[in-house]
Amino acid sequence: MKDFAAIDFETANGERSSICSVGLVIVREGDISGTYYSLIKPEPDYYHYRNIMVHGIRPEDTENASVFPFVWEEVEPLIEGLPLVAHNKAFDEGCLKAVFRTYRMDYPDYLFHCTLQAARKQLKQLPNHKLPTVAAHCGYDLSRRHHHALADAEACARIALKLFM
């Protein structure tokens, strides 16, 4: 797979629809050709302390951010015709479907691939298959920026380039 979009979401609380940031890395012909990052006003619009501790995004950071449908208008043309790749696709695909339902948007049945599942099959020697561990094995240092949506999406893209090529 030489053409895909790696995607990562961060959420404000325990609701999958509460996306507060998105990171996207576009890969064409096996090379990173573009990136996209945006904060998003979450729905529902409240933050759980644990989520803030994970990603560092606070209510004041998204207070004036666009809601998901406006952000997705920018994302959609970037990913048109591309399969999506996520590390633990169950989470990211679940978030995407939940936020589409929340805003009553038609979900276009994006094709998702999972680097976590691929890593578990291909990299059995690793002590775990968490994103930073797999990324480090694939030559990408995520230690200082883990849980920043764009950094996580780039790590996922680097992993996919190693495991899906």
N, C-alpha and C. Protein backbone atom coordinates (compact mmCIF):
# COMPACT_ATOMS: atom_id res chain seq x y z
N MET A 1 0.85 -1.18 0.00
CA MET A 1 0.00 0.00 0.00
C MET A 1 0.90 1.24 0.00
N LYS A 2 0.85 1.99 -1.08
CA LYS A 2 1.70 3.17 -1.22
C LYS A 2 0.94 4.48 -1.04
N ASP A 3 -0.38 4.42 -1.13
CA ASP A 3 -1.22 5.62 -1.00
C ASP A 3 -2.24 5.40 0.10
N PHE A 4 -2.20 6.27 1.11
CA PHE A 4 -3.15 6.17 2.22
C PHE A 4 -3.09 7.46 3.04
N ALA A 5 -4.00 7.57 3.99
CA ALA A 5 -4.00 8.69 4.93
C ALA A 5 -4.00 8.11 6.34
N ALA A 6 -2.97 8.42 7.10
CA ALA A 6 -2.92 8.02 8.51
C ALA A 6 -3.66 9.08 9.31
N ILE A 7 -4.52 8.63 10.23
CA ILE A 7 -5.37 9.56 10.96
C ILE A 7 -5.36 9.23 12.45
N ASP A 8 -5.44 10.28 13.26
CA ASP A 8 -5.51 10.09 14.70
C ASP A 8 -6.42 11.16 15.30
N PHE A 9 -7.22 10.73 16.27
CA PHE A 9 -8.11 11.65 16.99
C PHE A 9 -7.76 11.65 18.48
N GLU A 10 -7.96 12.78 19.12
CA GLU A 10 -7.94 12.88 20.57
C GLU A 10 -9.34 13.30 20.99
N THR A 11 -9.78 12.81 22.15
CA THR A 11 -11.13 13.12 22.62
C THR A 11 -11.08 13.88 23.94
N ALA A 12 -12.13 14.64 24.18
CA ALA A 12 -12.22 15.49 25.37
C ALA A 12 -12.72 14.73 26.59
N ASN A 13 -13.48 13.68 26.37
CA ASN A 13 -14.07 12.94 27.48
C ASN A 13 -14.31 11.50 27.02
N GLY A 14 -15.09 10.75 27.75
CA GLY A 14 -15.31 9.35 27.44
C GLY A 14 -16.22 9.08 26.26
N GLU A 15 -16.85 10.11 25.72
CA GLU A 15 -17.72 9.94 24.55
C GLU A 15 -16.87 9.93 23.28
N ARG A 16 -17.07 8.93 22.45
CA ARG A 16 -16.29 8.85 21.21
C ARG A 16 -16.52 10.04 20.30
N SER A 17 -17.67 10.66 20.41
CA SER A 17 -17.98 11.82 19.56
C SER A 17 -17.28 13.10 20.01
N SER A 18 -16.59 13.06 21.14
CA SER A 18 -16.00 14.28 21.70
C SER A 18 -14.61 14.59 21.14
N ILE A 19 -14.45 14.41 19.85
CA ILE A 19 -13.17 14.67 19.20
C ILE A 19 -12.78 16.14 19.43
N CYS A 20 -11.56 16.33 19.97
CA CYS A 20 -11.08 17.69 20.21
C CYS A 20 -9.86 18.04 19.35
N SER A 21 -9.29 17.04 18.67
CA SER A 21 -8.24 17.32 17.70
C SER A 21 -8.13 16.17 16.71
N VAL A 22 -7.65 16.50 15.53
CA VAL A 22 -7.41 15.52 14.48
C VAL A 22 -6.05 15.78 13.87
N GLY A 23 -5.32 14.71 13.62
CA GLY A 23 -4.05 14.77 12.89
C GLY A 23 -4.16 13.85 11.70
N LEU A 24 -3.61 14.29 10.59
CA LEU A 24 -3.72 13.55 9.34
C LEU A 24 -2.39 13.64 8.60
N VAL A 25 -1.92 12.50 8.11
CA VAL A 25 -0.70 12.44 7.29
C VAL A 25 -1.06 11.74 6.00
N ILE A 26 -0.86 12.43 4.90
CA ILE A 26 -1.16 11.89 3.57
C ILE A 26 0.10 11.26 2.99
N VAL A 27 -0.03 10.03 2.53
CA VAL A 27 1.09 9.31 1.90
C VAL A 27 0.70 8.99 0.48
N ARG A 28 1.55 9.40 -0.44
CA ARG A 28 1.34 9.11 -1.86
C ARG A 28 2.64 8.54 -2.43
N GLU A 29 2.49 7.46 -3.16
CA GLU A 29 3.65 6.78 -3.75
C GLU A 29 4.73 6.46 -2.71
N GLY A 30 4.29 6.15 -1.49
CA GLY A 30 5.21 5.76 -0.44
C GLY A 30 5.93 6.88 0.27
N ASP A 31 5.56 8.12 -0.04
CA ASP A 31 6.19 9.28 0.60
C ASP A 31 5.13 10.16 1.25
N ILE A 32 5.49 10.76 2.37
CA ILE A 32 4.58 11.71 3.00
C ILE A 32 4.48 12.94 2.11
N SER A 33 3.25 13.24 1.69
CA SER A 33 3.06 14.37 0.76
C SER A 33 2.33 15.54 1.40
N GLY A 34 1.80 15.33 2.60
CA GLY A 34 1.11 16.43 3.26
C GLY A 34 0.64 16.04 4.65
N THR A 35 0.37 17.08 5.44
CA THR A 35 -0.15 16.87 6.79
C THR A 35 -1.27 17.87 7.06
N TYR A 36 -2.07 17.54 8.06
CA TYR A 36 -3.16 18.42 8.47
C TYR A 36 -3.37 18.23 9.96
N TYR A 37 -3.59 19.33 10.67
CA TYR A 37 -3.90 19.27 12.10
C TYR A 37 -4.91 20.35 12.42
N SER A 38 -5.85 20.01 13.28
CA SER A 38 -6.80 21.01 13.73
C SER A 38 -7.33 20.65 15.11
N LEU A 39 -7.52 21.67 15.91
CA LEU A 39 -8.31 21.54 17.13
C LEU A 39 -9.78 21.58 16.72
N ILE A 40 -10.64 20.96 17.52
CA ILE A 40 -12.07 20.87 17.20
C ILE A 40 -12.84 21.12 18.49
N LYS A 41 -13.90 21.89 18.39
CA LYS A 41 -14.79 22.07 19.54
C LYS A 41 -15.53 20.75 19.73
N PRO A 42 -15.33 20.07 20.87
CA PRO A 42 -15.91 18.74 21.03
C PRO A 42 -17.42 18.76 21.27
N GLU A 43 -18.03 17.61 20.99
CA GLU A 43 -19.46 17.41 21.26
C GLU A 43 -19.64 16.02 21.89
N PRO A 44 -19.99 15.92 23.16
CA PRO A 44 -20.37 17.02 24.05
C PRO A 44 -19.14 17.83 24.48
N ASP A 45 -19.40 19.10 24.75
CA ASP A 45 -18.33 20.07 25.01
C ASP A 45 -18.01 20.16 26.49
N TYR A 46 -17.37 19.12 26.99
CA TYR A 46 -16.78 19.17 28.34
C TYR A 46 -15.55 18.28 28.32
N TYR A 47 -14.62 18.56 29.22
CA TYR A 47 -13.36 17.83 29.28
C TYR A 47 -13.27 17.03 30.58
N HIS A 48 -12.84 15.81 30.45
CA HIS A 48 -12.58 14.98 31.62
C HIS A 48 -11.10 15.19 31.98
N TYR A 49 -10.86 15.28 33.25
CA TYR A 49 -9.50 15.51 33.76
C TYR A 49 -8.50 14.50 33.18
N ARG A 50 -8.88 13.22 33.15
CA ARG A 50 -7.94 12.21 32.65
C ARG A 50 -7.58 12.44 31.19
N ASN A 51 -8.54 12.87 30.38
CA ASN A 51 -8.24 13.14 28.97
C ASN A 51 -7.26 14.30 28.85
N ILE A 52 -7.47 15.34 29.65
CA ILE A 52 -6.55 16.49 29.64
C ILE A 52 -5.14 16.03 30.01
N MET A 53 -5.03 15.16 30.99
CA MET A 53 -3.72 14.66 31.42
C MET A 53 -3.03 13.86 30.32
N VAL A 54 -3.82 13.19 29.49
CA VAL A 54 -3.25 12.38 28.40
C VAL A 54 -2.72 13.28 27.29
N HIS A 55 -3.55 14.20 26.77
CA HIS A 55 -3.15 14.96 25.58
C HIS A 55 -2.85 16.43 25.83
N GLY A 56 -3.21 16.95 26.97
CA GLY A 56 -2.89 18.34 27.30
C GLY A 56 -3.80 19.38 26.69
N ILE A 57 -4.83 18.97 25.98
CA ILE A 57 -5.76 19.93 25.39
C ILE A 57 -6.79 20.29 26.45
N ARG A 58 -7.02 21.59 26.61
CA ARG A 58 -7.92 22.10 27.65
C ARG A 58 -9.12 22.80 27.01
N PRO A 59 -10.18 23.02 27.78
CA PRO A 59 -11.37 23.68 27.23
C PRO A 59 -11.06 25.02 26.56
N GLU A 60 -10.16 25.79 27.14
CA GLU A 60 -9.85 27.09 26.54
C GLU A 60 -9.14 26.96 25.19
N ASP A 61 -8.50 25.82 24.96
CA ASP A 61 -7.83 25.60 23.67
C ASP A 61 -8.82 25.43 22.52
N THR A 62 -10.00 24.88 22.82
CA THR A 62 -10.98 24.61 21.76
C THR A 62 -12.20 25.53 21.85
N GLU A 63 -12.15 26.47 22.75
CA GLU A 63 -13.28 27.38 22.97
C GLU A 63 -13.74 28.05 21.67
N ASN A 64 -12.79 28.48 20.84
CA ASN A 64 -13.13 29.16 19.59
C ASN A 64 -12.84 28.31 18.36
N ALA A 65 -12.63 27.02 18.57
CA ALA A 65 -12.34 26.11 17.45
C ALA A 65 -13.62 25.81 16.67
N SER A 66 -13.45 25.37 15.45
CA SER A 66 -14.59 24.97 14.62
C SER A 66 -15.17 23.65 15.11
N VAL A 67 -16.46 23.46 14.87
CA VAL A 67 -17.07 22.17 15.17
C VAL A 67 -16.70 21.19 14.06
N PHE A 68 -16.88 19.91 14.35
CA PHE A 68 -16.43 18.85 13.46
C PHE A 68 -16.86 19.00 12.00
N PRO A 69 -18.12 19.27 11.69
CA PRO A 69 -18.50 19.33 10.27
C PRO A 69 -17.67 20.33 9.46
N PHE A 70 -17.29 21.46 10.07
CA PHE A 70 -16.49 22.44 9.34
C PHE A 70 -15.05 21.98 9.16
N VAL A 71 -14.52 21.31 10.16
CA VAL A 71 -13.17 20.75 10.03
C VAL A 71 -13.17 19.64 8.99
N TRP A 72 -14.20 18.79 9.00
CA TRP A 72 -14.25 17.68 8.05
C TRP A 72 -14.37 18.18 6.61
N GLU A 73 -14.96 19.32 6.39
CA GLU A 73 -14.99 19.90 5.04
C GLU A 73 -13.58 20.14 4.52
N GLU A 74 -12.63 20.43 5.40
CA GLU A 74 -11.23 20.60 4.99
C GLU A 74 -10.53 19.26 4.83
N VAL A 75 -10.87 18.30 5.68
CA VAL A 75 -10.21 16.99 5.66
C VAL A 75 -10.66 16.15 4.46
N GLU A 76 -11.96 16.15 4.21
CA GLU A 76 -12.53 15.26 3.20
C GLU A 76 -11.82 15.29 1.85
N PRO A 77 -11.54 16.48 1.28
CA PRO A 77 -10.85 16.45 -0.02
C PRO A 77 -9.42 15.92 0.06
N LEU A 78 -8.80 16.01 1.22
CA LEU A 78 -7.43 15.53 1.39
C LEU A 78 -7.36 14.00 1.37
N ILE A 79 -8.43 13.35 1.83
CA ILE A 79 -8.42 11.89 1.94
C ILE A 79 -9.24 11.20 0.85
N GLU A 80 -9.79 11.97 -0.05
CA GLU A 80 -10.65 11.40 -1.09
C GLU A 80 -9.94 10.28 -1.84
N GLY A 81 -10.59 9.12 -1.89
CA GLY A 81 -10.05 7.98 -2.62
C GLY A 81 -8.96 7.21 -1.90
N LEU A 82 -8.61 7.62 -0.68
CA LEU A 82 -7.54 6.96 0.06
C LEU A 82 -8.09 6.09 1.18
N PRO A 83 -7.48 4.92 1.40
CA PRO A 83 -7.82 4.18 2.60
C PRO A 83 -7.25 4.92 3.82
N LEU A 84 -7.89 4.75 4.96
CA LEU A 84 -7.41 5.36 6.19
C LEU A 84 -6.66 4.31 7.01
N VAL A 85 -5.64 4.78 7.71
CA VAL A 85 -4.82 3.91 8.55
C VAL A 85 -4.78 4.52 9.94
N ALA A 86 -4.97 3.68 10.96
CA ALA A 86 -4.90 4.15 12.34
C ALA A 86 -4.24 3.07 13.19
N HIS A 87 -3.62 3.49 14.28
CA HIS A 87 -3.08 2.55 15.25
C HIS A 87 -4.17 2.34 16.29
N ASN A 88 -4.78 1.17 16.25
CA ASN A 88 -6.00 0.84 17.00
C ASN A 88 -7.19 1.47 16.30
N LYS A 89 -7.45 0.97 15.13
CA LYS A 89 -8.53 1.50 14.29
C LYS A 89 -9.87 1.45 14.99
N ALA A 90 -10.07 0.53 15.93
CA ALA A 90 -11.34 0.45 16.63
C ALA A 90 -11.66 1.77 17.32
N PHE A 91 -10.65 2.41 17.89
CA PHE A 91 -10.88 3.70 18.55
C PHE A 91 -11.14 4.80 17.52
N ASP A 92 -10.23 4.98 16.57
CA ASP A 92 -10.35 6.11 15.63
C ASP A 92 -11.54 5.96 14.70
N GLU A 93 -11.78 4.76 14.20
CA GLU A 93 -12.94 4.54 13.36
C GLU A 93 -14.22 4.72 14.18
N GLY A 94 -14.20 4.26 15.42
CA GLY A 94 -15.35 4.45 16.31
C GLY A 94 -15.63 5.92 16.57
N CYS A 95 -14.59 6.70 16.78
CA CYS A 95 -14.76 8.15 16.97
C CYS A 95 -15.36 8.79 15.73
N LEU A 96 -14.84 8.43 14.57
CA LEU A 96 -15.32 9.02 13.33
C LEU A 96 -16.80 8.68 13.10
N LYS A 97 -17.16 7.43 13.30
CA LYS A 97 -18.56 7.04 13.12
C LYS A 97 -19.46 7.74 14.14
N ALA A 98 -19.00 7.85 15.38
CA ALA A 98 -19.80 8.49 16.43
C ALA A 98 -20.03 9.97 16.14
N VAL A 99 -19.01 10.66 15.68
CA VAL A 99 -19.17 12.09 15.43
C VAL A 99 -20.01 12.33 14.17
N PHE A 100 -19.91 11.44 13.20
CA PHE A 100 -20.80 11.53 12.03
C PHE A 100 -22.25 11.37 12.47
N ARG A 101 -22.52 10.41 13.37
CA ARG A 101 -23.88 10.21 13.89
C ARG A 101 -24.34 11.43 14.68
N THR A 102 -23.47 11.96 15.51
CA THR A 102 -23.83 13.11 16.36
C THR A 102 -24.29 14.29 15.51
N TYR A 103 -23.60 14.53 14.41
CA TYR A 103 -23.93 15.67 13.55
C TYR A 103 -24.86 15.27 12.40
N ARG A 104 -25.36 14.05 12.44
CA ARG A 104 -26.29 13.55 11.41
C ARG A 104 -25.73 13.71 9.99
N MET A 105 -24.48 13.35 9.87
CA MET A 105 -23.79 13.38 8.58
C MET A 105 -23.81 11.95 8.01
N ASP A 106 -23.88 11.85 6.69
CA ASP A 106 -23.83 10.53 6.04
C ASP A 106 -22.40 10.00 6.08
N TYR A 107 -22.23 8.85 6.70
CA TYR A 107 -20.89 8.24 6.80
C TYR A 107 -20.58 7.49 5.52
N PRO A 108 -19.45 7.82 4.88
CA PRO A 108 -19.16 7.22 3.57
C PRO A 108 -18.45 5.86 3.61
N ASP A 109 -18.50 5.14 4.70
CA ASP A 109 -17.87 3.82 4.82
C ASP A 109 -16.40 3.83 4.40
N TYR A 110 -15.63 4.65 5.10
CA TYR A 110 -14.19 4.70 4.85
C TYR A 110 -13.57 3.34 5.11
N LEU A 111 -12.64 2.96 4.26
CA LEU A 111 -11.88 1.73 4.44
C LEU A 111 -10.75 2.03 5.42
N PHE A 112 -10.72 1.32 6.54
CA PHE A 112 -9.70 1.50 7.57
C PHE A 112 -8.78 0.29 7.63
N HIS A 113 -7.49 0.55 7.81
CA HIS A 113 -6.49 -0.48 8.10
C HIS A 113 -5.91 -0.17 9.47
N CYS A 114 -5.43 -1.19 10.15
CA CYS A 114 -4.97 -1.03 11.53
C CYS A 114 -3.50 -1.43 11.68
N THR A 115 -2.67 -0.47 12.05
CA THR A 115 -1.25 -0.79 12.28
C THR A 115 -1.06 -1.57 13.58
N LEU A 116 -1.97 -1.42 14.54
CA LEU A 116 -1.86 -2.21 15.78
C LEU A 116 -2.05 -3.70 15.46
N GLN A 117 -3.08 -4.03 14.70
CA GLN A 117 -3.30 -5.43 14.33
C GLN A 117 -2.13 -5.97 13.52
N ALA A 118 -1.63 -5.16 12.59
CA ALA A 118 -0.49 -5.60 11.76
C ALA A 118 0.75 -5.81 12.62
N ALA A 119 0.98 -4.91 13.56
CA ALA A 119 2.16 -5.03 14.43
C ALA A 119 2.07 -6.28 15.29
N ARG A 120 0.88 -6.58 15.80
CA ARG A 120 0.72 -7.79 16.62
C ARG A 120 1.02 -9.05 15.82
N LYS A 121 0.71 -9.04 14.53
CA LYS A 121 0.97 -10.21 13.68
C LYS A 121 2.43 -10.29 13.25
N GLN A 122 3.02 -9.13 12.89
CA GLN A 122 4.34 -9.12 12.28
C GLN A 122 5.49 -8.87 13.25
N LEU A 123 5.22 -8.26 14.37
CA LEU A 123 6.30 -7.86 15.30
C LEU A 123 6.10 -8.52 16.66
N LYS A 124 6.01 -9.82 16.67
CA LYS A 124 5.73 -10.56 17.91
C LYS A 124 6.85 -10.42 18.93
N GLN A 125 8.04 -10.04 18.51
CA GLN A 125 9.18 -9.94 19.41
C GLN A 125 9.13 -8.70 20.30
N LEU A 126 8.27 -7.75 19.99
CA LEU A 126 8.22 -6.52 20.78
C LEU A 126 7.60 -6.79 22.15
N PRO A 127 8.01 -6.02 23.18
CA PRO A 127 7.46 -6.23 24.52
C PRO A 127 5.98 -5.85 24.63
N ASN A 128 5.54 -4.92 23.77
CA ASN A 128 4.13 -4.54 23.67
C ASN A 128 3.94 -3.92 22.29
N HIS A 129 2.73 -3.60 21.95
CA HIS A 129 2.44 -3.06 20.62
C HIS A 129 1.81 -1.68 20.71
N LYS A 130 2.14 -0.96 21.79
CA LYS A 130 1.69 0.42 21.94
C LYS A 130 2.34 1.27 20.86
N LEU A 131 1.68 2.36 20.52
CA LEU A 131 2.16 3.21 19.42
C LEU A 131 3.62 3.64 19.60
N PRO A 132 4.05 4.14 20.76
CA PRO A 132 5.46 4.56 20.88
C PRO A 132 6.45 3.40 20.69
N THR A 133 6.09 2.22 21.17
CA THR A 133 6.98 1.06 21.05
C THR A 133 7.13 0.64 19.60
N VAL A 134 6.02 0.52 18.90
CA VAL A 134 6.06 0.10 17.49
C VAL A 134 6.72 1.19 16.64
N ALA A 135 6.41 2.44 16.93
CA ALA A 135 7.02 3.55 16.19
C ALA A 135 8.53 3.54 16.35
N ALA A 136 9.00 3.34 17.58
CA ALA A 136 10.45 3.30 17.82
C ALA A 136 11.09 2.16 17.04
N HIS A 137 10.44 1.00 17.03
CA HIS A 137 10.94 -0.14 16.27
C HIS A 137 11.04 0.19 14.78
N CYS A 138 10.13 1.03 14.31
CA CYS A 138 10.11 1.42 12.89
C CYS A 138 10.93 2.68 12.62
N GLY A 139 11.66 3.17 13.60
CA GLY A 139 12.58 4.29 13.41
C GLY A 139 11.99 5.67 13.64
N TYR A 140 10.86 5.75 14.33
CA TYR A 140 10.23 7.05 14.59
C TYR A 140 10.13 7.26 16.10
N ASP A 141 10.73 8.33 16.59
CA ASP A 141 10.73 8.65 18.02
C ASP A 141 9.50 9.47 18.38
N LEU A 142 8.63 8.87 19.13
CA LEU A 142 7.38 9.52 19.53
C LEU A 142 7.41 9.89 21.01
N SER A 143 8.51 9.68 21.68
CA SER A 143 8.56 9.78 23.14
C SER A 143 8.15 11.15 23.68
N ARG A 144 8.44 12.22 23.00
CA ARG A 144 8.14 13.55 23.54
C ARG A 144 6.80 14.12 23.07
N ARG A 145 6.16 13.54 22.07
CA ARG A 145 4.94 14.14 21.53
C ARG A 145 3.77 13.17 21.45
N HIS A 146 3.88 12.05 22.14
CA HIS A 146 2.80 11.06 22.10
C HIS A 146 1.50 11.69 22.61
N HIS A 147 0.42 11.40 21.94
CA HIS A 147 -0.93 11.92 22.18
C HIS A 147 -1.13 13.33 21.62
N HIS A 148 -0.23 13.80 20.78
CA HIS A 148 -0.52 14.95 19.92
C HIS A 148 -1.00 14.29 18.63
N ALA A 149 -2.20 14.64 18.18
CA ALA A 149 -2.82 13.92 17.07
C ALA A 149 -1.96 13.88 15.81
N LEU A 150 -1.26 14.96 15.50
CA LEU A 150 -0.44 14.94 14.28
C LEU A 150 0.78 14.06 14.46
N ALA A 151 1.42 14.12 15.62
CA ALA A 151 2.58 13.27 15.87
C ALA A 151 2.18 11.80 15.85
N ASP A 152 1.04 11.47 16.45
CA ASP A 152 0.57 10.09 16.45
C ASP A 152 0.22 9.63 15.03
N ALA A 153 -0.37 10.51 14.24
CA ALA A 153 -0.69 10.17 12.85
C ALA A 153 0.59 9.94 12.05
N GLU A 154 1.61 10.76 12.29
CA GLU A 154 2.87 10.55 11.57
C GLU A 154 3.53 9.25 11.99
N ALA A 155 3.49 8.94 13.30
CA ALA A 155 4.03 7.66 13.75
C ALA A 155 3.30 6.51 13.08
N CYS A 156 1.99 6.61 12.99
CA CYS A 156 1.18 5.58 12.34
C CYS A 156 1.56 5.45 10.87
N ALA A 157 1.76 6.57 10.20
CA ALA A 157 2.15 6.54 8.79
C ALA A 157 3.50 5.84 8.62
N ARG A 158 4.45 6.17 9.50
CA ARG A 158 5.78 5.54 9.42
C ARG A 158 5.69 4.03 9.65
N ILE A 159 4.85 3.64 10.59
CA ILE A 159 4.65 2.21 10.85
C ILE A 159 4.02 1.54 9.62
N ALA A 160 2.99 2.16 9.07
CA ALA A 160 2.31 1.60 7.90
C ALA A 160 3.28 1.45 6.73
N LEU A 161 4.15 2.42 6.55
CA LEU A 161 5.13 2.33 5.46
C LEU A 161 6.06 1.13 5.64
N LYS A 162 6.33 0.76 6.86
CA LYS A 162 7.19 -0.41 7.12
C LYS A 162 6.39 -1.73 7.02
N LEU A 163 5.17 -1.73 7.57
CA LEU A 163 4.43 -2.99 7.68
C LEU A 163 3.54 -3.32 6.49
N PHE A 164 3.12 -2.30 5.75
CA PHE A 164 2.18 -2.54 4.65
C PHE A 164 2.81 -2.46 3.27
N MET A 165 4.08 -2.20 3.17
CA MET A 165 4.73 -2.07 1.86
C MET A 165 5.15 -3.42 1.34
